[in-house]
Amino acid sequence: MAVPRGKLSRQRRDKRRSSHWKLSLPGIVKCPKCGEPVLSHRACKACGTYNGRTVLNVEESK
């Protein structure tokens, strides 16, 4: 039967556990119509298009 060798310090324990909490980078792509950076699989907030169609009404600010 396996027996632990000894008590690990909190520092060693926390170093081992810290590697599982890293954030992943979101998938950011360029909008094919206007070139703005957009999260993938979402409508562009700048021009209102998704998958080649206009899905949002975006008013131009002047």
PDB file of N, CA and C in Angstrom:
ATOM      1  N   MET A   1       0.832  -1.178   0.000  1.00  0.00           N
ATOM      2  CA  MET A   1       0.000   0.000   0.000  1.00  0.00           C
ATOM      3  C   MET A   1       0.883   1.251   0.000  1.00  0.00           C
ATOM      4  N   ALA A   2       0.501   2.249  -0.763  1.00  0.00           N
ATOM      5  CA  ALA A   2       1.296   3.465  -0.876  1.00  0.00           C
ATOM      6  C   ALA A   2       1.175   4.306   0.384  1.00  0.00           C
ATOM      7  N   VAL A   3       2.311   4.839   0.822  1.00  0.00           N
ATOM      8  CA  VAL A   3       2.346   5.657   2.025  1.00  0.00           C
ATOM      9  C   VAL A   3       2.993   6.990   1.674  1.00  0.00           C
ATOM     10  N   PRO A   4       2.397   8.132   2.073  1.00  0.00           N
ATOM     11  CA  PRO A   4       3.028   9.418   1.789  1.00  0.00           C
ATOM     12  C   PRO A   4       4.385   9.528   2.462  1.00  0.00           C
ATOM     13  N   ARG A   5       5.337  10.129   1.804  1.00  0.00           N
ATOM     14  CA  ARG A   5       6.687  10.233   2.367  1.00  0.00           C
ATOM     15  C   ARG A   5       6.759  11.212   3.522  1.00  0.00           C
ATOM     16  N   GLY A   6       6.008  12.268   3.473  1.00  0.00           N
ATOM     17  CA  GLY A   6       6.047  13.251   4.552  1.00  0.00           C
ATOM     18  C   GLY A   6       5.139  14.410   4.207  1.00  0.00           C
ATOM     19  N   LYS A   7       4.992  15.303   5.150  1.00  0.00           N
ATOM     20  CA  LYS A   7       4.098  16.436   4.941  1.00  0.00           C
ATOM     21  C   LYS A   7       4.750  17.435   3.985  1.00  0.00           C
ATOM     22  N   LEU A   8       3.989  17.841   2.978  1.00  0.00           N
ATOM     23  CA  LEU A   8       4.447  18.879   2.060  1.00  0.00           C
ATOM     24  C   LEU A   8       4.130  20.236   2.656  1.00  0.00           C
ATOM     25  N   SER A   9       5.025  21.169   2.460  1.00  0.00           N
ATOM     26  CA  SER A   9       4.762  22.525   2.937  1.00  0.00           C
ATOM     27  C   SER A   9       3.668  23.167   2.091  1.00  0.00           C
ATOM     28  N   ARG A  10       3.062  24.196   2.614  1.00  0.00           N
ATOM     29  CA  ARG A  10       2.010  24.894   1.861  1.00  0.00           C
ATOM     30  C   ARG A  10       2.570  25.493   0.582  1.00  0.00           C
ATOM     31  N   GLN A  11       3.816  25.940   0.622  1.00  0.00           N
ATOM     32  CA  GLN A  11       4.429  26.551  -0.557  1.00  0.00           C
ATOM     33  C   GLN A  11       4.571  25.528  -1.691  1.00  0.00           C
ATOM     34  N   ARG A  12       5.051  24.324  -1.366  1.00  0.00           N
ATOM     35  CA  ARG A  12       5.192  23.285  -2.399  1.00  0.00           C
ATOM     36  C   ARG A  12       3.832  22.844  -2.927  1.00  0.00           C
ATOM     37  N   ARG A  13       2.877  22.680  -2.014  1.00  0.00           N
ATOM     38  CA  ARG A  13       1.535  22.266  -2.413  1.00  0.00           C
ATOM     39  C   ARG A  13       0.909  23.300  -3.346  1.00  0.00           C
ATOM     40  N   ASP A  14       1.028  24.587  -2.993  1.00  0.00           N
ATOM     41  CA  ASP A  14       0.409  25.644  -3.785  1.00  0.00           C
ATOM     42  C   ASP A  14       1.097  25.833  -5.121  1.00  0.00           C
ATOM     43  N   LYS A  15       2.399  25.586  -5.187  1.00  0.00           N
ATOM     44  CA  LYS A  15       3.104  25.662  -6.473  1.00  0.00           C
ATOM     45  C   LYS A  15       2.572  24.621  -7.437  1.00  0.00           C
ATOM     46  N   ARG A  16       2.315  23.439  -6.933  1.00  0.00           N
ATOM     47  CA  ARG A  16       1.798  22.356  -7.768  1.00  0.00           C
ATOM     48  C   ARG A  16       0.381  22.664  -8.240  1.00  0.00           C
ATOM     49  N   ARG A  17      -0.425  23.225  -7.371  1.00  0.00           N
ATOM     50  CA  ARG A  17      -1.821  23.503  -7.723  1.00  0.00           C
ATOM     51  C   ARG A  17      -1.998  24.740  -8.589  1.00  0.00           C
ATOM     52  N   SER A  18      -1.024  25.627  -8.621  1.00  0.00           N
ATOM     53  CA  SER A  18      -1.190  26.899  -9.321  1.00  0.00           C
ATOM     54  C   SER A  18      -1.238  26.744 -10.834  1.00  0.00           C
ATOM     55  N   SER A  19      -0.702  25.664 -11.372  1.00  0.00           N
ATOM     56  CA  SER A  19      -0.624  25.529 -12.828  1.00  0.00           C
ATOM     57  C   SER A  19      -1.970  25.218 -13.469  1.00  0.00           C
ATOM     58  N   HIS A  20      -2.985  24.866 -12.695  1.00  0.00           N
ATOM     59  CA  HIS A  20      -4.279  24.490 -13.266  1.00  0.00           C
ATOM     60  C   HIS A  20      -5.222  25.667 -13.421  1.00  0.00           C
ATOM     61  N   TRP A  21      -4.824  26.857 -13.004  1.00  0.00           N
ATOM     62  CA  TRP A  21      -5.723  28.002 -12.997  1.00  0.00           C
ATOM     63  C   TRP A  21      -5.360  29.038 -14.045  1.00  0.00           C
ATOM     64  N   LYS A  22      -4.600  28.666 -15.051  1.00  0.00           N
ATOM     65  CA  LYS A  22      -4.211  29.626 -16.072  1.00  0.00           C
ATOM     66  C   LYS A  22      -5.373  29.884 -17.019  1.00  0.00           C
ATOM     67  N   LEU A  23      -5.536  31.127 -17.413  1.00  0.00           N
ATOM     68  CA  LEU A  23      -6.603  31.496 -18.336  1.00  0.00           C
ATOM     69  C   LEU A  23      -6.159  31.239 -19.761  1.00  0.00           C
ATOM     70  N   SER A  24      -7.098  30.875 -20.613  1.00  0.00           N
ATOM     71  CA  SER A  24      -6.782  30.663 -22.018  1.00  0.00           C
ATOM     72  C   SER A  24      -7.105  31.930 -22.805  1.00  0.00           C
ATOM     73  N   LEU A  25      -6.402  32.129 -23.887  1.00  0.00           N
ATOM     74  CA  LEU A  25      -6.579  33.308 -24.718  1.00  0.00           C
ATOM     75  C   LEU A  25      -7.850  33.176 -25.549  1.00  0.00           C
ATOM     76  N   PRO A  26      -8.714  34.208 -25.580  1.00  0.00           N
ATOM     77  CA  PRO A  26      -9.931  34.096 -26.387  1.00  0.00           C
ATOM     78  C   PRO A  26      -9.602  34.129 -27.876  1.00  0.00           C
ATOM     79  N   GLY A  27     -10.470  33.498 -28.671  1.00  0.00           N
ATOM     80  CA  GLY A  27     -10.260  33.436 -30.114  1.00  0.00           C
ATOM     81  C   GLY A  27     -10.678  34.728 -30.783  1.00  0.00           C
ATOM     82  N   ILE A  28      -9.725  35.630 -31.003  1.00  0.00           N
ATOM     83  CA  ILE A  28     -10.015  36.920 -31.632  1.00  0.00           C
ATOM     84  C   ILE A  28      -9.590  36.851 -33.093  1.00  0.00           C
ATOM     85  N   VAL A  29     -10.506  37.225 -33.990  1.00  0.00           N
ATOM     86  CA  VAL A  29     -10.235  37.235 -35.425  1.00  0.00           C
ATOM     87  C   VAL A  29     -10.614  38.602 -35.990  1.00  0.00           C
ATOM     88  N   LYS A  30     -10.184  38.873 -37.217  1.00  0.00           N
ATOM     89  CA  LYS A  30     -10.551  40.127 -37.880  1.00  0.00           C
ATOM     90  C   LYS A  30     -11.870  39.949 -38.611  1.00  0.00           C
ATOM     91  N   CYS A  31     -12.714  40.967 -38.520  1.00  0.00           N
ATOM     92  CA  CYS A  31     -13.981  40.958 -39.256  1.00  0.00           C
ATOM     93  C   CYS A  31     -13.662  41.022 -40.745  1.00  0.00           C
ATOM     94  N   PRO A  32     -14.244  40.151 -41.550  1.00  0.00           N
ATOM     95  CA  PRO A  32     -13.930  40.172 -42.984  1.00  0.00           C
ATOM     96  C   PRO A  32     -14.445  41.418 -43.709  1.00  0.00           C
ATOM     97  N   LYS A  33     -15.446  42.088 -43.144  1.00  0.00           N
ATOM     98  CA  LYS A  33     -16.007  43.259 -43.812  1.00  0.00           C
ATOM     99  C   LYS A  33     -15.285  44.549 -43.431  1.00  0.00           C
ATOM    100  N   CYS A  34     -15.113  44.791 -42.107  1.00  0.00           N
ATOM    101  CA  CYS A  34     -14.541  46.074 -41.689  1.00  0.00           C
ATOM    102  C   CYS A  34     -13.134  45.956 -41.112  1.00  0.00           C
ATOM    103  N   GLY A  35     -12.691  44.748 -40.766  1.00  0.00           N
ATOM    104  CA  GLY A  35     -11.340  44.569 -40.262  1.00  0.00           C
ATOM    105  C   GLY A  35     -11.166  44.769 -38.765  1.00  0.00           C
ATOM    106  N   GLU A  36     -12.252  45.014 -38.042  1.00  0.00           N
ATOM    107  CA  GLU A  36     -12.174  45.189 -36.592  1.00  0.00           C
ATOM    108  C   GLU A  36     -11.917  43.836 -35.917  1.00  0.00           C
ATOM    109  N   PRO A  37     -11.199  43.819 -34.791  1.00  0.00           N
ATOM    110  CA  PRO A  37     -11.045  42.559 -34.053  1.00  0.00           C
ATOM    111  C   PRO A  37     -12.364  42.168 -33.382  1.00  0.00           C
ATOM    112  N   VAL A  38     -12.761  40.895 -33.556  1.00  0.00           N
ATOM    113  CA  VAL A  38     -14.044  40.399 -33.074  1.00  0.00           C
ATOM    114  C   VAL A  38     -13.813  39.025 -32.453  1.00  0.00           C
ATOM    115  N   LEU A  39     -14.546  38.694 -31.398  1.00  0.00           N
ATOM    116  CA  LEU A  39     -14.521  37.331 -30.892  1.00  0.00           C
ATOM    117  C   LEU A  39     -15.149  36.412 -31.932  1.00  0.00           C
ATOM    118  N   SER A  40     -14.563  35.240 -32.122  1.00  0.00           N
ATOM    119  CA  SER A  40     -15.057  34.335 -33.160  1.00  0.00           C
ATOM    120  C   SER A  40     -16.456  33.834 -32.828  1.00  0.00           C
ATOM    121  N   HIS A  41     -17.242  33.571 -33.843  1.00  0.00           N
ATOM    122  CA  HIS A  41     -18.619  33.090 -33.758  1.00  0.00           C
ATOM    123  C   HIS A  41     -19.543  34.100 -33.078  1.00  0.00           C
ATOM    124  N   ARG A  42     -19.246  35.391 -33.257  1.00  0.00           N
ATOM    125  CA  ARG A  42     -20.100  36.448 -32.729  1.00  0.00           C
ATOM    126  C   ARG A  42     -20.234  37.547 -33.775  1.00  0.00           C
ATOM    127  N   ALA A  43     -21.317  38.296 -33.697  1.00  0.00           N
ATOM    128  CA  ALA A  43     -21.535  39.383 -34.647  1.00  0.00           C
ATOM    129  C   ALA A  43     -20.571  40.526 -34.348  1.00  0.00           C
ATOM    130  N   CYS A  44     -20.149  41.219 -35.398  1.00  0.00           N
ATOM    131  CA  CYS A  44     -19.245  42.357 -35.260  1.00  0.00           C
ATOM    132  C   CYS A  44     -20.037  43.544 -34.718  1.00  0.00           C
ATOM    133  N   LYS A  45     -19.509  44.160 -33.659  1.00  0.00           N
ATOM    134  CA  LYS A  45     -20.202  45.310 -33.076  1.00  0.00           C
ATOM    135  C   LYS A  45     -19.978  46.580 -33.879  1.00  0.00           C
ATOM    136  N   ALA A  46     -18.936  46.604 -34.710  1.00  0.00           N
ATOM    137  CA  ALA A  46     -18.635  47.799 -35.481  1.00  0.00           C
ATOM    138  C   ALA A  46     -19.526  47.913 -36.720  1.00  0.00           C
ATOM    139  N   CYS A  47     -19.699  46.807 -37.453  1.00  0.00           N
ATOM    140  CA  CYS A  47     -20.492  46.880 -38.691  1.00  0.00           C
ATOM    141  C   CYS A  47     -21.782  46.062 -38.624  1.00  0.00           C
ATOM    142  N   GLY A  48     -21.938  45.187 -37.623  1.00  0.00           N
ATOM    143  CA  GLY A  48     -23.187  44.452 -37.438  1.00  0.00           C
ATOM    144  C   GLY A  48     -23.353  43.242 -38.329  1.00  0.00           C
ATOM    145  N   THR A  49     -22.263  42.690 -38.863  1.00  0.00           N
ATOM    146  CA  THR A  49     -22.390  41.530 -39.738  1.00  0.00           C
ATOM    147  C   THR A  49     -21.935  40.259 -39.043  1.00  0.00           C
ATOM    148  N   TYR A  50     -22.522  39.138 -39.481  1.00  0.00           N
ATOM    149  CA  TYR A  50     -22.101  37.813 -39.031  1.00  0.00           C
ATOM    150  C   TYR A  50     -22.348  36.847 -40.172  1.00  0.00           C
ATOM    151  N   ASN A  51     -21.334  36.106 -40.527  1.00  0.00           N
ATOM    152  CA  ASN A  51     -21.422  35.087 -41.582  1.00  0.00           C
ATOM    153  C   ASN A  51     -21.898  35.685 -42.908  1.00  0.00           C
ATOM    154  N   GLY A  52     -21.430  36.900 -43.225  1.00  0.00           N
ATOM    155  CA  GLY A  52     -21.755  37.536 -44.496  1.00  0.00           C
ATOM    156  C   GLY A  52     -23.102  38.230 -44.545  1.00  0.00           C
ATOM    157  N   ARG A  53     -23.840  38.250 -43.429  1.00  0.00           N
ATOM    158  CA  ARG A  53     -25.152  38.888 -43.414  1.00  0.00           C
ATOM    159  C   ARG A  53     -25.170  39.977 -42.352  1.00  0.00           C
ATOM    160  N   THR A  54     -26.037  40.966 -42.550  1.00  0.00           N
ATOM    161  CA  THR A  54     -26.226  42.004 -41.546  1.00  0.00           C
ATOM    162  C   THR A  54     -27.249  41.524 -40.544  1.00  0.00           C
ATOM    163  N   VAL A  55     -26.821  41.396 -39.285  1.00  0.00           N
ATOM    164  CA  VAL A  55     -27.713  40.889 -38.244  1.00  0.00           C
ATOM    165  C   VAL A  55     -28.000  41.932 -37.175  1.00  0.00           C
ATOM    166  N   LEU A  56     -27.199  42.993 -37.097  1.00  0.00           N
ATOM    167  CA  LEU A  56     -27.412  44.060 -36.129  1.00  0.00           C
ATOM    168  C   LEU A  56     -27.519  45.392 -36.860  1.00  0.00           C
ATOM    169  N   ASN A  57     -28.420  46.235 -36.390  1.00  0.00           N
ATOM    170  CA  ASN A  57     -28.518  47.588 -36.940  1.00  0.00           C
ATOM    171  C   ASN A  57     -27.566  48.487 -36.149  1.00  0.00           C
ATOM    172  N   VAL A  58     -26.497  48.935 -36.796  1.00  0.00           N
ATOM    173  CA  VAL A  58     -25.497  49.763 -36.144  1.00  0.00           C
ATOM    174  C   VAL A  58     -25.593  51.154 -36.741  1.00  0.00           C
ATOM    175  N   GLU A  59     -25.822  52.142 -35.876  1.00  0.00           N
ATOM    176  CA  GLU A  59     -25.895  53.531 -36.350  1.00  0.00           C
ATOM    177  C   GLU A  59     -24.508  54.125 -36.337  1.00  0.00           C
ATOM    178  N   GLU A  60     -24.188  54.856 -37.382  1.00  0.00           N
ATOM    179  CA  GLU A  60     -22.889  55.515 -37.487  1.00  0.00           C
ATOM    180  C   GLU A  60     -22.853  56.724 -36.561  1.00  0.00           C
ATOM    181  N   SER A  61     -21.830  56.829 -35.723  1.00  0.00           N
ATOM    182  CA  SER A  61     -21.695  57.996 -34.859  1.00  0.00           C
ATOM    183  C   SER A  61     -20.899  59.074 -35.569  1.00  0.00           C
ATOM    184  N   LYS A  62     -21.433  60.290 -35.570  1.00  0.00           N
ATOM    185  CA  LYS A  62     -20.756  61.391 -36.269  1.00  0.00           C
ATOM    186  C   LYS A  62     -20.489  62.528 -35.331  1.00  0.00           C
TER     187      LYS A  62
END
